[in-house]
Protein backbone atom coordinates (compact mmCIF):
# COMPACT_ATOMS: atom_id res chain seq x y z
CA MET A 1 2.15 34.90 16.68
CA ARG A 2 1.28 34.74 12.96
CA ILE A 3 4.81 33.66 12.04
CA GLU A 4 4.66 30.86 14.62
CA ILE A 5 1.40 29.57 13.14
CA ILE A 6 2.77 29.68 9.60
CA VAL A 7 6.00 27.92 10.63
CA SER A 8 4.01 25.25 12.51
CA PHE A 9 1.79 24.70 9.48
CA LEU A 10 4.78 24.35 7.15
CA LEU A 11 6.51 21.90 9.48
CA CYS A 12 3.36 19.77 9.63
CA CYS A 13 3.11 19.79 5.83
CA ILE A 14 6.76 18.78 5.46
CA GLY A 15 6.25 15.93 7.94
CA TYR A 16 3.21 14.73 6.02
CA ILE A 17 5.00 14.87 2.67
CA ASN A 18 7.97 12.95 4.08
CA ALA A 19 5.67 10.13 5.26
CA ILE A 20 4.70 9.18 1.71
CA THR A 21 6.44 6.12 0.30
CA PRO A 22 7.76 6.54 -3.26
CA VAL A 23 6.14 3.81 -5.37
CA SER A 24 5.97 2.79 -9.02
CA LYS A 25 3.16 1.74 -11.30
CA CYS A 26 2.38 -1.93 -11.77
CA PRO A 27 2.44 -2.91 -15.45
CA GLN A 28 -1.19 -4.08 -15.43
CA ALA A 29 -2.80 -1.15 -13.57
CA ARG A 30 -3.20 2.58 -13.58
CA SER A 31 -0.46 4.53 -11.86
CA PRO A 32 -0.84 5.78 -8.27
CA GLU A 33 -0.93 9.36 -9.59
CA GLU A 34 -4.01 8.52 -11.62
CA TYR A 35 -5.67 7.26 -8.45
CA LYS A 36 -4.68 10.49 -6.68
CA GLN A 37 -3.63 8.41 -3.73
CA VAL A 38 -1.07 8.49 -0.98
CA ILE A 39 0.68 5.21 -0.22
CA THR A 40 2.53 4.51 3.02
CA VAL A 41 4.63 1.37 3.49
CA GLY A 42 5.95 1.33 7.06
CA ASN A 43 8.10 4.40 7.64
CA CYS A 44 9.75 4.18 4.21
CA LYS A 45 10.61 7.53 2.68
CA LYS A 46 13.19 6.48 0.05
CA HIS A 47 14.23 3.46 -2.01
CA PRO A 48 14.91 0.75 -1.21
CA CYS A 49 12.48 0.44 1.68
CA ARG A 50 14.03 -1.46 4.58
CA LEU A 51 11.96 -4.43 5.72
CA ARG A 52 13.46 -5.66 8.99
CA LYS A 53 13.12 -9.32 9.90
CA GLY A 54 10.85 -9.90 12.89
CA HIS A 55 8.96 -6.63 12.33
CA THR A 56 5.46 -5.88 11.13
CA ILE A 57 5.10 -3.42 8.27
CA ASN A 58 1.93 -1.32 8.04
CA VAL A 59 0.56 -0.44 4.62
CA ASP A 60 -2.17 2.10 3.96
CA PHE A 61 -3.40 4.03 0.96
CA ARG A 62 -6.38 5.79 -0.55
CA PHE A 63 -7.87 4.57 -3.80
CA THR A 64 -10.93 5.05 -5.98
CA PRO A 65 -12.19 2.08 -8.05
CA ILE A 66 -13.09 2.85 -11.66
CA ALA A 67 -15.67 0.03 -11.68
CA GLU A 68 -17.88 -1.60 -9.07
CA THR A 69 -16.46 -4.81 -7.67
CA LYS A 70 -18.24 -7.41 -5.54
CA THR A 71 -15.09 -8.89 -4.02
CA VAL A 72 -11.51 -7.76 -3.45
CA ARG A 73 -8.51 -10.01 -2.78
CA ASN A 74 -4.94 -9.14 -1.84
CA SER A 75 -2.13 -10.05 -4.21
CA VAL A 76 1.15 -9.34 -2.42
CA THR A 77 4.45 -10.69 -3.71
CA ALA A 78 8.17 -10.12 -3.41
CA THR A 79 10.02 -10.59 -6.69
CA ILE A 80 13.52 -11.99 -6.27
CA ALA A 81 15.67 -12.58 -9.36
CA GLY A 82 12.58 -12.29 -11.56
CA LEU A 83 10.53 -14.85 -9.58
CA PRO A 84 7.48 -13.71 -7.56
CA PHE A 85 7.14 -15.18 -4.05
CA PRO A 86 3.93 -14.65 -2.05
CA PHE A 87 4.05 -12.79 1.26
CA ILE A 88 2.81 -15.45 3.65
CA GLY A 89 -0.33 -14.49 5.54
CA VAL A 90 -1.43 -11.63 3.29
CA ASP A 91 -1.19 -12.85 -0.32
CA ASP A 92 -4.45 -14.23 -1.74
CA THR A 93 -6.54 -13.21 1.29
CA ASP A 94 -9.86 -11.37 1.38
CA ALA A 95 -9.18 -7.61 1.35
CA CYS A 96 -12.73 -6.47 2.15
CA ASN A 97 -12.01 -6.45 5.91
CA ASN A 98 -9.09 -4.05 5.30
CA ILE A 99 -11.09 -1.43 3.41
CA PHE A 100 -12.56 1.62 5.13
CA GLU A 101 -14.69 4.60 4.12
CA SER A 102 -12.78 7.77 3.19
CA ASP A 103 -12.78 8.87 6.86
CA GLY A 104 -10.32 6.02 7.50
CA THR A 105 -12.22 4.67 10.52
CA THR A 106 -15.60 3.39 9.31
CA GLN A 107 -15.40 -0.16 7.94
CA ALA A 108 -16.55 -0.35 4.31
CA LYS A 109 -18.36 -3.39 3.02
CA CYS A 110 -17.90 -5.10 -0.31
CA PRO A 111 -19.11 -4.51 -2.97
CA LEU A 112 -17.09 -1.36 -3.59
CA GLN A 113 -18.67 1.42 -5.62
CA SER A 114 -17.17 2.93 -8.74
CA GLY A 115 -15.87 6.49 -8.26
CA LYS A 116 -15.99 6.39 -4.45
CA GLU A 117 -12.82 6.94 -2.42
CA TYR A 118 -11.75 4.26 0.08
CA VAL A 119 -8.89 3.78 2.51
CA TYR A 120 -7.02 0.47 2.67
CA LYS A 121 -5.14 -0.53 5.86
CA ASN A 122 -3.20 -3.73 6.34
CA HIS A 123 0.10 -5.09 7.60
CA PHE A 124 2.48 -7.90 6.85
CA ASP A 125 5.17 -9.61 8.88
CA ILE A 126 8.76 -9.89 7.77
CA LEU A 127 9.40 -13.42 8.93
CA PRO A 128 12.79 -14.43 10.35
CA LEU A 129 13.05 -17.16 7.70
CA TYR A 130 13.09 -14.60 4.86
CA PRO A 131 16.55 -14.21 3.26
CA ILE A 132 18.45 -10.92 3.39
CA VAL A 133 17.94 -9.79 -0.17
CA LYS A 134 16.74 -6.94 -2.39
CA VAL A 135 13.15 -7.45 -3.57
CA GLU A 136 10.47 -5.70 -5.58
CA VAL A 137 7.27 -5.71 -3.51
CA SER A 138 4.09 -5.74 -5.61
CA TRP A 139 0.80 -4.98 -3.89
CA ALA A 140 -2.48 -5.29 -5.74
CA LEU A 141 -6.15 -5.38 -4.88
CA ILE A 142 -7.81 -7.77 -7.32
CA GLY A 143 -11.49 -7.24 -8.10
CA SER A 144 -14.22 -9.76 -8.87
CA ASP A 145 -13.38 -9.46 -12.59
CA ARG A 146 -9.81 -10.63 -11.73
CA GLN A 147 -8.43 -7.24 -12.77
CA PRO A 148 -6.46 -4.93 -10.44
CA VAL A 149 -8.62 -2.37 -8.65
CA MET A 150 -5.36 -0.79 -7.54
CA CYS A 151 -1.71 -1.81 -7.80
CA PHE A 152 1.77 -0.52 -6.99
CA THR A 153 5.35 -1.73 -6.65
CA VAL A 154 8.14 -0.57 -4.38
CA PRO A 155 11.82 -1.59 -4.27
CA ALA A 156 12.78 -2.95 -0.86
CA LYS A 157 15.51 -4.79 0.99
CA ILE A 158 14.93 -7.41 3.67
CA THR A 159 17.42 -6.77 6.50
CA ASN A 160 18.26 -7.97 10.00
């Protein structure tokens, strides 16, 4: 009985670890490790993340602002050949409606407090008009001071 419980626990932990998307630091922000956060982009577990046309990709992560911010906006781009292109429908939109208390279910309200943990949940569509190409997805939450509250990048490939 004890062995079964231990094995079940280890399998759950392995499943949780495998759900984390490997990401990189944005040049203008602290690294995800410094935020002590877990970032999930769809079901991506390795690079490049596959973004299938006609599908919706869920994004969620935990973050802790280092300063209070009255507003938060999404900045979501795909860089192709060194040129950033906005993800239609999510880039430059209000992020406050996508931010929850640390329990992940209670809606948080802007302003966000310094030092308090929040959960961000959003999604974006991979439109059929997008080309099949390798991209670098950059996701940032921009505060009222126009500085990143949180930021990460992840290599991806748009596919059929």
